[in-house]
All heavy atoms as atom14 arrays in JSON, in Angstrom:
{
  "sequence": "GSVKFISDFESAYYLRLLVDDKPGVLAKISGVFAKCGMSIVEIAQKKR",
  "atom14_mask": [
    [1, 1, 1, 1, 0, 0, 0, 0, 0, 0, 0, 0, 0, 0],
    [1, 1, 1, 1, 1, 1, 0, 0, 0, 0, 0, 0, 0, 0],
    [1, 1, 1, 1, 1, 1, 1, 0, 0, 0, 0, 0, 0, 0],
    [1, 1, 1, 1, 1, 1, 1, 1, 1, 0, 0, 0, 0, 0],
    [1, 1, 1, 1, 1, 1, 1, 1, 1, 1, 1, 0, 0, 0],
    [1, 1, 1, 1, 1, 1, 1, 1, 0, 0, 0, 0, 0, 0],
    [1, 1, 1, 1, 1, 1, 0, 0, 0, 0, 0, 0, 0, 0],
    [1, 1, 1, 1, 1, 1, 1, 1, 0, 0, 0, 0, 0, 0],
    [1, 1, 1, 1, 1, 1, 1, 1, 1, 1, 1, 0, 0, 0],
    [1, 1, 1, 1, 1, 1, 1, 1, 1, 0, 0, 0, 0, 0],
    [1, 1, 1, 1, 1, 1, 0, 0, 0, 0, 0, 0, 0, 0],
    [1, 1, 1, 1, 1, 0, 0, 0, 0, 0, 0, 0, 0, 0],
    [1, 1, 1, 1, 1, 1, 1, 1, 1, 1, 1, 1, 0, 0],
    [1, 1, 1, 1, 1, 1, 1, 1, 1, 1, 1, 1, 0, 0],
    [1, 1, 1, 1, 1, 1, 1, 1, 0, 0, 0, 0, 0, 0],
    [1, 1, 1, 1, 1, 1, 1, 1, 1, 1, 1, 0, 0, 0],
    [1, 1, 1, 1, 1, 1, 1, 1, 0, 0, 0, 0, 0, 0],
    [1, 1, 1, 1, 1, 1, 1, 1, 0, 0, 0, 0, 0, 0],
    [1, 1, 1, 1, 1, 1, 1, 0, 0, 0, 0, 0, 0, 0],
    [1, 1, 1, 1, 1, 1, 1, 1, 0, 0, 0, 0, 0, 0],
    [1, 1, 1, 1, 1, 1, 1, 1, 0, 0, 0, 0, 0, 0],
    [1, 1, 1, 1, 1, 1, 1, 1, 1, 0, 0, 0, 0, 0],
    [1, 1, 1, 1, 1, 1, 1, 0, 0, 0, 0, 0, 0, 0],
    [1, 1, 1, 1, 0, 0, 0, 0, 0, 0, 0, 0, 0, 0],
    [1, 1, 1, 1, 1, 1, 1, 0, 0, 0, 0, 0, 0, 0],
    [1, 1, 1, 1, 1, 1, 1, 1, 0, 0, 0, 0, 0, 0],
    [1, 1, 1, 1, 1, 0, 0, 0, 0, 0, 0, 0, 0, 0],
    [1, 1, 1, 1, 1, 1, 1, 1, 1, 0, 0, 0, 0, 0],
    [1, 1, 1, 1, 1, 1, 1, 1, 0, 0, 0, 0, 0, 0],
    [1, 1, 1, 1, 1, 1, 0, 0, 0, 0, 0, 0, 0, 0],
    [1, 1, 1, 1, 0, 0, 0, 0, 0, 0, 0, 0, 0, 0],
    [1, 1, 1, 1, 1, 1, 1, 0, 0, 0, 0, 0, 0, 0],
    [1, 1, 1, 1, 1, 1, 1, 1, 1, 1, 1, 0, 0, 0],
    [1, 1, 1, 1, 1, 0, 0, 0, 0, 0, 0, 0, 0, 0],
    [1, 1, 1, 1, 1, 1, 1, 1, 1, 0, 0, 0, 0, 0],
    [1, 1, 1, 1, 1, 1, 0, 0, 0, 0, 0, 0, 0, 0],
    [1, 1, 1, 1, 0, 0, 0, 0, 0, 0, 0, 0, 0, 0],
    [1, 1, 1, 1, 1, 1, 1, 1, 0, 0, 0, 0, 0, 0],
    [1, 1, 1, 1, 1, 1, 0, 0, 0, 0, 0, 0, 0, 0],
    [1, 1, 1, 1, 1, 1, 1, 1, 0, 0, 0, 0, 0, 0],
    [1, 1, 1, 1, 1, 1, 1, 0, 0, 0, 0, 0, 0, 0],
    [1, 1, 1, 1, 1, 1, 1, 1, 1, 0, 0, 0, 0, 0],
    [1, 1, 1, 1, 1, 1, 1, 1, 0, 0, 0, 0, 0, 0],
    [1, 1, 1, 1, 1, 0, 0, 0, 0, 0, 0, 0, 0, 0],
    [1, 1, 1, 1, 1, 1, 1, 1, 1, 0, 0, 0, 0, 0],
    [1, 1, 1, 1, 1, 1, 1, 1, 1, 0, 0, 0, 0, 0],
    [1, 1, 1, 1, 1, 1, 1, 1, 1, 0, 0, 0, 0, 0],
    [1, 1, 1, 1, 1, 1, 1, 1, 1, 1, 1, 0, 0, 0]
  ],
  "atom14_positions": [
    [[-30.82, 13.13, -10.42], [-29.82, 13.18, -11.46], [-28.69, 14.17, -11.24], [-27.61, 14.01, -11.79], [0.0, 0.0, 0.0], [0.0, 0.0, 0.0], [0.0, 0.0, 0.0], [0.0, 0.0, 0.0], [0.0, 0.0, 0.0], [0.0, 0.0, 0.0], [0.0, 0.0, 0.0], [0.0, 0.0, 0.0], [0.0, 0.0, 0.0], [0.0, 0.0, 0.0]],
    [[-28.95, 15.19, -10.43], [-27.93, 16.21, -10.18], [-26.91, 15.82, -9.1], [-25.92, 16.5, -8.94], [-28.6, 17.53, -9.76], [-29.29, 17.38, -8.54], [0.0, 0.0, 0.0], [0.0, 0.0, 0.0], [0.0, 0.0, 0.0], [0.0, 0.0, 0.0], [0.0, 0.0, 0.0], [0.0, 0.0, 0.0], [0.0, 0.0, 0.0], [0.0, 0.0, 0.0]],
    [[-27.2, 14.73, -8.38], [-26.34, 14.29, -7.3], [-25.19, 13.43, -7.86], [-25.43, 12.44, -8.55], [-27.11, 13.5, -6.22], [-26.15, 13.02, -5.14], [-28.19, 14.4, -5.61], [0.0, 0.0, 0.0], [0.0, 0.0, 0.0], [0.0, 0.0, 0.0], [0.0, 0.0, 0.0], [0.0, 0.0, 0.0], [0.0, 0.0, 0.0], [0.0, 0.0, 0.0]],
    [[-23.96, 13.8, -7.49], [-22.8, 13.03, -7.88], [-22.39, 12.06, -6.78], [-22.26, 12.48, -5.64], [-21.63, 13.93, -8.25], [-20.4, 13.19, -8.76], [-19.28, 14.14, -9.09], [-18.05, 13.38, -9.56], [-16.88, 14.26, -9.83], [0.0, 0.0, 0.0], [0.0, 0.0, 0.0], [0.0, 0.0, 0.0], [0.0, 0.0, 0.0], [0.0, 0.0, 0.0]],
    [[-22.22, 10.8, -7.14], [-21.72, 9.81, -6.16], [-20.28, 9.46, -6.45], [-19.9, 9.23, -7.58], [-22.6, 8.55, -6.22], [-23.97, 8.77, -5.64], [-25.01, 9.2, -6.45], [-24.23, 8.52, -4.32], [-26.31, 9.4, -5.94], [-25.5, 8.7, -3.78], [-26.53, 9.17, -4.59], [0.0, 0.0, 0.0], [0.0, 0.0, 0.0], [0.0, 0.0, 0.0]],
    [[-19.49, 9.4, -5.39], [-18.09, 9.1, -5.5], [-17.83, 7.63, -5.22], [-18.26, 7.1, -4.19], [-17.24, 9.97, -4.5], [-17.48, 11.45, -4.74], [-15.76, 9.59, -4.56], [-16.91, 12.32, -3.67], [0.0, 0.0, 0.0], [0.0, 0.0, 0.0], [0.0, 0.0, 0.0], [0.0, 0.0, 0.0], [0.0, 0.0, 0.0], [0.0, 0.0, 0.0]],
    [[-17.19, 6.93, -6.17], [-16.84, 5.55, -5.99], [-15.35, 5.34, -5.71], [-14.96, 4.32, -5.14], [-17.28, 4.73, -7.19], [-16.65, 5.19, -8.35], [0.0, 0.0, 0.0], [0.0, 0.0, 0.0], [0.0, 0.0, 0.0], [0.0, 0.0, 0.0], [0.0, 0.0, 0.0], [0.0, 0.0, 0.0], [0.0, 0.0, 0.0], [0.0, 0.0, 0.0]],
    [[-14.54, 6.33, -6.06], [-13.14, 6.26, -5.81], [-12.82, 6.9, -4.44], [-12.32, 8.02, -4.36], [-12.35, 6.98, -6.94], [-10.86, 6.69, -6.91], [-10.45, 5.75, -6.21], [-10.06, 7.42, -7.55], [0.0, 0.0, 0.0], [0.0, 0.0, 0.0], [0.0, 0.0, 0.0], [0.0, 0.0, 0.0], [0.0, 0.0, 0.0], [0.0, 0.0, 0.0]],
    [[-13.19, 6.19, -3.4], [-13.15, 6.73, -2.06], [-11.71, 7.07, -1.62], [-10.74, 6.44, -2.01], [-13.69, 5.71, -1.03], [-14.97, 5.1, -1.44], [-15.08, 3.72, -1.56], [-16.09, 5.88, -1.73], [-16.27, 3.12, -1.95], [-17.28, 5.31, -2.1], [-17.39, 3.95, -2.22], [0.0, 0.0, 0.0], [0.0, 0.0, 0.0], [0.0, 0.0, 0.0]],
    [[-11.63, 8.11, -0.75], [-10.35, 8.45, -0.16], [-10.3, 7.88, 1.25], [-11.25, 7.99, 2.03], [-10.17, 9.99, -0.09], [-9.9, 10.58, -1.43], [-9.47, 12.05, -1.33], [-9.14, 12.48, -0.17], [-9.47, 12.74, -2.34], [0.0, 0.0, 0.0], [0.0, 0.0, 0.0], [0.0, 0.0, 0.0], [0.0, 0.0, 0.0], [0.0, 0.0, 0.0]],
    [[-9.18, 7.21, 1.54], [-9.03, 6.56, 2.83], [-7.56, 6.19, 3.02], [-6.78, 6.2, 2.06], [-9.9, 5.29, 2.86], [-9.63, 4.53, 4.02], [0.0, 0.0, 0.0], [0.0, 0.0, 0.0], [0.0, 0.0, 0.0], [0.0, 0.0, 0.0], [0.0, 0.0, 0.0], [0.0, 0.0, 0.0], [0.0, 0.0, 0.0], [0.0, 0.0, 0.0]],
    [[-7.2, 5.93, 4.28], [-5.92, 5.24, 4.48], [-6.21, 3.74, 4.4], [-7.37, 3.33, 4.44], [-5.36, 5.59, 5.89], [0.0, 0.0, 0.0], [0.0, 0.0, 0.0], [0.0, 0.0, 0.0], [0.0, 0.0, 0.0], [0.0, 0.0, 0.0], [0.0, 0.0, 0.0], [0.0, 0.0, 0.0], [0.0, 0.0, 0.0], [0.0, 0.0, 0.0]],
    [[-5.17, 2.93, 4.27], [-5.39, 1.51, 4.07], [-4.37, 0.66, 4.89], [-3.23, 1.11, 5.1], [-5.24, 1.13, 2.59], [-6.4, 1.6, 1.76], [-6.43, 2.89, 1.27], [-7.47, 0.74, 1.46], [-7.51, 3.33, 0.51], [-8.53, 1.21, 0.72], [-8.54, 2.48, 0.24], [-9.61, 2.91, -0.47], [0.0, 0.0, 0.0], [0.0, 0.0, 0.0]],
    [[-4.88, -0.49, 5.33], [-4.05, -1.5, 5.97], [-3.87, -2.64, 4.95], [-4.87, -3.1, 4.35], [-4.77, -2.01, 7.21], [-4.3, -3.35, 7.76], [-3.45, -3.43, 8.86], [-4.78, -4.55, 7.22], [-3.05, -4.63, 9.39], [-4.37, -5.8, 7.71], [-3.5, -5.81, 8.8], [-3.14, -7.03, 9.31], [0.0, 0.0, 0.0], [0.0, 0.0, 0.0]],
    [[-2.65, -3.06, 4.72], [-2.37, -4.16, 3.82], [-1.52, -5.19, 4.57], [-0.54, -4.84, 5.25], [-1.62, -3.73, 2.55], [-2.37, -2.78, 1.6], [-2.06, -1.33, 1.94], [-1.97, -3.06, 0.17], [0.0, 0.0, 0.0], [0.0, 0.0, 0.0], [0.0, 0.0, 0.0], [0.0, 0.0, 0.0], [0.0, 0.0, 0.0], [0.0, 0.0, 0.0]],
    [[-1.91, -6.47, 4.45], [-1.08, -7.55, 4.99], [-0.64, -8.42, 3.83], [-1.47, -8.9, 3.05], [-1.84, -8.38, 6.02], [-1.0, -9.55, 6.54], [-1.67, -10.22, 7.74], [-2.98, -10.8, 7.4], [-3.16, -12.03, 6.86], [-2.12, -12.77, 6.58], [-4.39, -12.44, 6.64], [0.0, 0.0, 0.0], [0.0, 0.0, 0.0], [0.0, 0.0, 0.0]],
    [[0.66, -8.59, 3.74], [1.24, -9.37, 2.63], [2.02, -10.54, 3.22], [2.58, -10.45, 4.34], [2.2, -8.52, 1.77], [1.67, -7.26, 1.12], [1.71, -6.07, 2.06], [2.48, -6.93, -0.12], [0.0, 0.0, 0.0], [0.0, 0.0, 0.0], [0.0, 0.0, 0.0], [0.0, 0.0, 0.0], [0.0, 0.0, 0.0], [0.0, 0.0, 0.0]],
    [[2.17, -11.65, 2.47], [3.09, -12.71, 2.74], [4.15, -12.61, 1.65], [3.85, -12.84, 0.48], [2.41, -14.06, 2.72], [1.5, -14.4, 3.89], [0.89, -15.77, 3.72], [2.25, -14.31, 5.23], [0.0, 0.0, 0.0], [0.0, 0.0, 0.0], [0.0, 0.0, 0.0], [0.0, 0.0, 0.0], [0.0, 0.0, 0.0], [0.0, 0.0, 0.0]],
    [[5.37, -12.29, 2.02], [6.39, -12.06, 0.99], [7.63, -12.92, 1.23], [7.86, -13.43, 2.34], [6.82, -10.55, 1.03], [5.65, -9.65, 0.68], [7.42, -10.17, 2.35], [0.0, 0.0, 0.0], [0.0, 0.0, 0.0], [0.0, 0.0, 0.0], [0.0, 0.0, 0.0], [0.0, 0.0, 0.0], [0.0, 0.0, 0.0], [0.0, 0.0, 0.0]],
    [[8.41, -13.05, 0.15], [9.64, -13.8, 0.28], [10.62, -13.12, 1.2], [10.78, -11.89, 1.13], [10.26, -13.93, -1.11], [9.42, -14.74, -2.1], [8.54, -15.53, -1.63], [9.51, -14.52, -3.35], [0.0, 0.0, 0.0], [0.0, 0.0, 0.0], [0.0, 0.0, 0.0], [0.0, 0.0, 0.0], [0.0, 0.0, 0.0], [0.0, 0.0, 0.0]],
    [[11.2, -13.85, 2.08], [12.18, -13.32, 3.03], [13.55, -13.23, 2.39], [14.46, -13.98, 2.67], [12.25, -14.22, 4.27], [12.99, -13.56, 5.43], [13.31, -12.35, 5.33], [13.27, -14.27, 6.38], [0.0, 0.0, 0.0], [0.0, 0.0, 0.0], [0.0, 0.0, 0.0], [0.0, 0.0, 0.0], [0.0, 0.0, 0.0], [0.0, 0.0, 0.0]],
    [[13.64, -12.22, 1.45], [14.85, -12.02, 0.65], [15.23, -10.56, 0.63], [14.32, -9.68, 0.74], [14.66, -12.52, -0.77], [14.4, -14.01, -0.89], [14.17, -14.37, -2.35], [13.87, -15.85, -2.52], [13.59, -16.18, -3.94], [0.0, 0.0, 0.0], [0.0, 0.0, 0.0], [0.0, 0.0, 0.0], [0.0, 0.0, 0.0], [0.0, 0.0, 0.0]],
    [[16.51, -10.24, 0.45], [16.93, -8.83, 0.31], [16.27, -8.2, -0.93], [16.11, -8.87, -1.98], [18.42, -8.9, 0.13], [18.84, -10.24, 0.73], [17.69, -11.15, 0.45], [0.0, 0.0, 0.0], [0.0, 0.0, 0.0], [0.0, 0.0, 0.0], [0.0, 0.0, 0.0], [0.0, 0.0, 0.0], [0.0, 0.0, 0.0], [0.0, 0.0, 0.0]],
    [[15.86, -6.95, -0.84], [15.31, -6.21, -1.97], [13.84, -6.24, -2.1], [13.25, -5.46, -2.89], [0.0, 0.0, 0.0], [0.0, 0.0, 0.0], [0.0, 0.0, 0.0], [0.0, 0.0, 0.0], [0.0, 0.0, 0.0], [0.0, 0.0, 0.0], [0.0, 0.0, 0.0], [0.0, 0.0, 0.0], [0.0, 0.0, 0.0], [0.0, 0.0, 0.0]],
    [[13.15, -7.18, -1.39], [11.72, -7.28, -1.49], [11.01, -5.99, -1.03], [10.13, -5.46, -1.7], [11.17, -8.49, -0.69], [9.67, -8.44, -0.56], [11.61, -9.78, -1.38], [0.0, 0.0, 0.0], [0.0, 0.0, 0.0], [0.0, 0.0, 0.0], [0.0, 0.0, 0.0], [0.0, 0.0, 0.0], [0.0, 0.0, 0.0], [0.0, 0.0, 0.0]],
    [[11.45, -5.53, 0.12], [10.82, -4.3, 0.65], [11.04, -3.1, -0.26], [10.15, -2.29, -0.44], [11.4, -3.99, 2.03], [10.74, -2.91, 2.85], [9.22, -3.15, 3.0], [11.38, -2.77, 4.24], [0.0, 0.0, 0.0], [0.0, 0.0, 0.0], [0.0, 0.0, 0.0], [0.0, 0.0, 0.0], [0.0, 0.0, 0.0], [0.0, 0.0, 0.0]],
    [[12.23, -3.04, -0.87], [12.55, -1.95, -1.8], [11.6, -2.0, -3.04], [11.16, -0.95, -3.55], [14.01, -1.99, -2.22], [0.0, 0.0, 0.0], [0.0, 0.0, 0.0], [0.0, 0.0, 0.0], [0.0, 0.0, 0.0], [0.0, 0.0, 0.0], [0.0, 0.0, 0.0], [0.0, 0.0, 0.0], [0.0, 0.0, 0.0], [0.0, 0.0, 0.0]],
    [[11.34, -3.2, -3.5], [10.44, -3.34, -4.66], [9.03, -2.89, -4.31], [8.4, -2.19, -5.13], [10.44, -4.8, -5.13], [11.74, -5.24, -5.8], [11.63, -6.7, -6.19], [12.93, -7.2, -6.87], [12.86, -8.61, -7.27], [0.0, 0.0, 0.0], [0.0, 0.0, 0.0], [0.0, 0.0, 0.0], [0.0, 0.0, 0.0], [0.0, 0.0, 0.0]],
    [[8.54, -3.25, -3.15], [7.21, -2.86, -2.74], [7.14, -1.34, -2.54], [6.19, -0.69, -3.05], [6.8, -3.57, -1.43], [6.65, -5.06, -1.69], [5.47, -3.01, -0.85], [6.48, -5.9, -0.42], [0.0, 0.0, 0.0], [0.0, 0.0, 0.0], [0.0, 0.0, 0.0], [0.0, 0.0, 0.0], [0.0, 0.0, 0.0], [0.0, 0.0, 0.0]],
    [[8.15, -0.78, -1.91], [8.18, 0.68, -1.73], [8.24, 1.4, -3.05], [7.65, 2.48, -3.24], [9.4, 1.08, -0.9], [9.34, 0.47, 0.39], [0.0, 0.0, 0.0], [0.0, 0.0, 0.0], [0.0, 0.0, 0.0], [0.0, 0.0, 0.0], [0.0, 0.0, 0.0], [0.0, 0.0, 0.0], [0.0, 0.0, 0.0], [0.0, 0.0, 0.0]],
    [[8.93, 0.79, -4.03], [9.01, 1.37, -5.36], [7.68, 1.45, -6.06], [7.32, 2.43, -6.74], [0.0, 0.0, 0.0], [0.0, 0.0, 0.0], [0.0, 0.0, 0.0], [0.0, 0.0, 0.0], [0.0, 0.0, 0.0], [0.0, 0.0, 0.0], [0.0, 0.0, 0.0], [0.0, 0.0, 0.0], [0.0, 0.0, 0.0], [0.0, 0.0, 0.0]],
    [[6.87, 0.37, -5.92], [5.53, 0.36, -6.48], [4.68, 1.44, -5.85], [3.98, 2.2, -6.56], [4.85, -1.03, -6.24], [3.37, -0.97, -6.58], [5.56, -2.07, -7.12], [0.0, 0.0, 0.0], [0.0, 0.0, 0.0], [0.0, 0.0, 0.0], [0.0, 0.0, 0.0], [0.0, 0.0, 0.0], [0.0, 0.0, 0.0], [0.0, 0.0, 0.0]],
    [[4.72, 1.57, -4.53], [3.97, 2.6, -3.86], [4.37, 3.96, -4.34], [3.51, 4.85, -4.54], [4.17, 2.5, -2.34], [3.29, 1.45, -1.67], [2.9, 0.32, -2.33], [2.9, 1.61, -0.38], [2.09, -0.65, -1.74], [2.07, 0.66, 0.25], [1.67, -0.45, -0.44], [0.0, 0.0, 0.0], [0.0, 0.0, 0.0], [0.0, 0.0, 0.0]],
    [[5.64, 4.22, -4.51], [6.12, 5.52, -4.94], [5.63, 5.82, -6.36], [5.15, 6.94, -6.64], [7.64, 5.56, -4.93], [0.0, 0.0, 0.0], [0.0, 0.0, 0.0], [0.0, 0.0, 0.0], [0.0, 0.0, 0.0], [0.0, 0.0, 0.0], [0.0, 0.0, 0.0], [0.0, 0.0, 0.0], [0.0, 0.0, 0.0], [0.0, 0.0, 0.0]],
    [[5.66, 4.83, -7.27], [5.2, 5.04, -8.62], [3.69, 5.32, -8.66], [3.22, 6.03, -9.55], [5.55, 3.82, -9.47], [6.97, 3.7, -9.83], [7.28, 2.45, -10.62], [8.74, 2.28, -10.94], [9.07, 1.06, -11.7], [0.0, 0.0, 0.0], [0.0, 0.0, 0.0], [0.0, 0.0, 0.0], [0.0, 0.0, 0.0], [0.0, 0.0, 0.0]],
    [[2.96, 4.75, -7.71], [1.53, 4.96, -7.65], [1.11, 6.22, -6.89], [-0.07, 6.53, -6.77], [0.85, 3.77, -7.03], [0.91, 2.25, -8.02], [0.0, 0.0, 0.0], [0.0, 0.0, 0.0], [0.0, 0.0, 0.0], [0.0, 0.0, 0.0], [0.0, 0.0, 0.0], [0.0, 0.0, 0.0], [0.0, 0.0, 0.0], [0.0, 0.0, 0.0]],
    [[2.15, 6.92, -6.37], [1.83, 8.14, -5.62], [1.33, 7.92, -4.19], [0.67, 8.76, -3.63], [0.0, 0.0, 0.0], [0.0, 0.0, 0.0], [0.0, 0.0, 0.0], [0.0, 0.0, 0.0], [0.0, 0.0, 0.0], [0.0, 0.0, 0.0], [0.0, 0.0, 0.0], [0.0, 0.0, 0.0], [0.0, 0.0, 0.0], [0.0, 0.0, 0.0]],
    [[1.65, 6.74, -3.64], [1.22, 6.39, -2.3], [2.4, 6.51, -1.33], [3.54, 6.19, -1.66], [0.69, 4.95, -2.24], [-0.57, 4.71, -3.06], [-0.94, 2.93, -3.16], [-1.11, 2.47, -1.47], [0.0, 0.0, 0.0], [0.0, 0.0, 0.0], [0.0, 0.0, 0.0], [0.0, 0.0, 0.0], [0.0, 0.0, 0.0], [0.0, 0.0, 0.0]],
    [[2.09, 6.99, -0.11], [3.1, 7.08, 0.92], [2.7, 6.19, 2.09], [1.53, 5.91, 2.31], [3.28, 8.52, 1.38], [2.08, 9.07, 1.87], [0.0, 0.0, 0.0], [0.0, 0.0, 0.0], [0.0, 0.0, 0.0], [0.0, 0.0, 0.0], [0.0, 0.0, 0.0], [0.0, 0.0, 0.0], [0.0, 0.0, 0.0], [0.0, 0.0, 0.0]],
    [[3.72, 5.78, 2.87], [3.53, 4.8, 3.91], [3.65, 5.49, 5.28], [4.62, 6.21, 5.55], [4.57, 3.67, 3.83], [4.34, 2.89, 2.51], [4.48, 2.73, 5.0], [5.43, 1.89, 2.21], [0.0, 0.0, 0.0], [0.0, 0.0, 0.0], [0.0, 0.0, 0.0], [0.0, 0.0, 0.0], [0.0, 0.0, 0.0], [0.0, 0.0, 0.0]],
    [[2.65, 5.23, 6.15], [2.73, 5.73, 7.53], [3.56, 4.8, 8.38], [4.39, 5.23, 9.2], [1.32, 5.83, 8.14], [1.34, 6.18, 9.63], [0.46, 6.83, 7.42], [0.0, 0.0, 0.0], [0.0, 0.0, 0.0], [0.0, 0.0, 0.0], [0.0, 0.0, 0.0], [0.0, 0.0, 0.0], [0.0, 0.0, 0.0], [0.0, 0.0, 0.0]],
    [[3.34, 3.49, 8.19], [4.03, 2.51, 9.03], [4.16, 1.2, 8.25], [3.28, 0.82, 7.5], [3.23, 2.27, 10.32], [3.98, 1.48, 11.35], [3.35, 1.61, 12.76], [2.33, 2.34, 12.88], [3.9, 1.0, 13.69], [0.0, 0.0, 0.0], [0.0, 0.0, 0.0], [0.0, 0.0, 0.0], [0.0, 0.0, 0.0], [0.0, 0.0, 0.0]],
    [[5.3, 0.54, 8.45], [5.54, -0.73, 7.82], [6.22, -1.61, 8.86], [7.1, -1.17, 9.58], [6.36, -0.63, 6.54], [6.45, -1.99, 5.84], [7.71, 0.01, 6.78], [6.96, -1.88, 4.4], [0.0, 0.0, 0.0], [0.0, 0.0, 0.0], [0.0, 0.0, 0.0], [0.0, 0.0, 0.0], [0.0, 0.0, 0.0], [0.0, 0.0, 0.0]],
    [[5.76, -2.86, 9.0], [6.32, -3.72, 10.02], [6.4, -5.17, 9.48], [5.41, -5.68, 8.97], [5.44, -3.7, 11.27], [0.0, 0.0, 0.0], [0.0, 0.0, 0.0], [0.0, 0.0, 0.0], [0.0, 0.0, 0.0], [0.0, 0.0, 0.0], [0.0, 0.0, 0.0], [0.0, 0.0, 0.0], [0.0, 0.0, 0.0], [0.0, 0.0, 0.0]],
    [[7.56, -5.77, 9.66], [7.68, -7.21, 9.33], [7.34, -7.96, 10.59], [7.97, -7.75, 11.64], [9.1, -7.52, 8.86], [9.31, -8.99, 8.49], [10.7, -9.28, 7.96], [11.14, -8.61, 7.06], [11.38, -10.3, 8.52], [0.0, 0.0, 0.0], [0.0, 0.0, 0.0], [0.0, 0.0, 0.0], [0.0, 0.0, 0.0], [0.0, 0.0, 0.0]],
    [[6.4, -8.87, 10.52], [5.96, -9.61, 11.68], [6.68, -10.95, 11.78], [7.29, -11.42, 10.82], [4.44, -9.87, 11.62], [3.6, -8.65, 11.26], [3.83, -7.46, 12.18], [3.34, -7.71, 13.59], [3.47, -6.5, 14.39], [0.0, 0.0, 0.0], [0.0, 0.0, 0.0], [0.0, 0.0, 0.0], [0.0, 0.0, 0.0], [0.0, 0.0, 0.0]],
    [[6.63, -11.5, 12.95], [7.28, -12.8, 13.17], [6.59, -13.87, 12.33], [5.4, -13.94, 12.21], [7.17, -13.18, 14.68], [7.87, -14.45, 15.05], [7.75, -14.69, 16.55], [8.41, -16.01, 16.96], [8.28, -16.28, 18.38], [0.0, 0.0, 0.0], [0.0, 0.0, 0.0], [0.0, 0.0, 0.0], [0.0, 0.0, 0.0], [0.0, 0.0, 0.0]],
    [[7.42, -14.75, 11.75], [6.89, -15.78, 10.86], [6.12, -16.81, 11.69], [6.62, -17.32, 12.69], [8.05, -16.49, 10.11], [7.54, -17.45, 9.03], [8.7, -18.09, 8.32], [9.32, -19.1, 9.12], [8.95, -20.36, 9.24], [7.88, -20.78, 8.57], [9.6, -21.21, 10.02], [0.0, 0.0, 0.0], [0.0, 0.0, 0.0], [0.0, 0.0, 0.0]]
  ]
}
């Protein structure tokens, strides 16, 4: 009973999204990350 288990793990994350190929999309995603206190190491738009 004295042992505490952590469920909110700390880690870096890889995310793959399929997004609309329109101006402003990347800014919106970056804005969400900023509001959530997340920072980005790398971001890459891949060939369709």
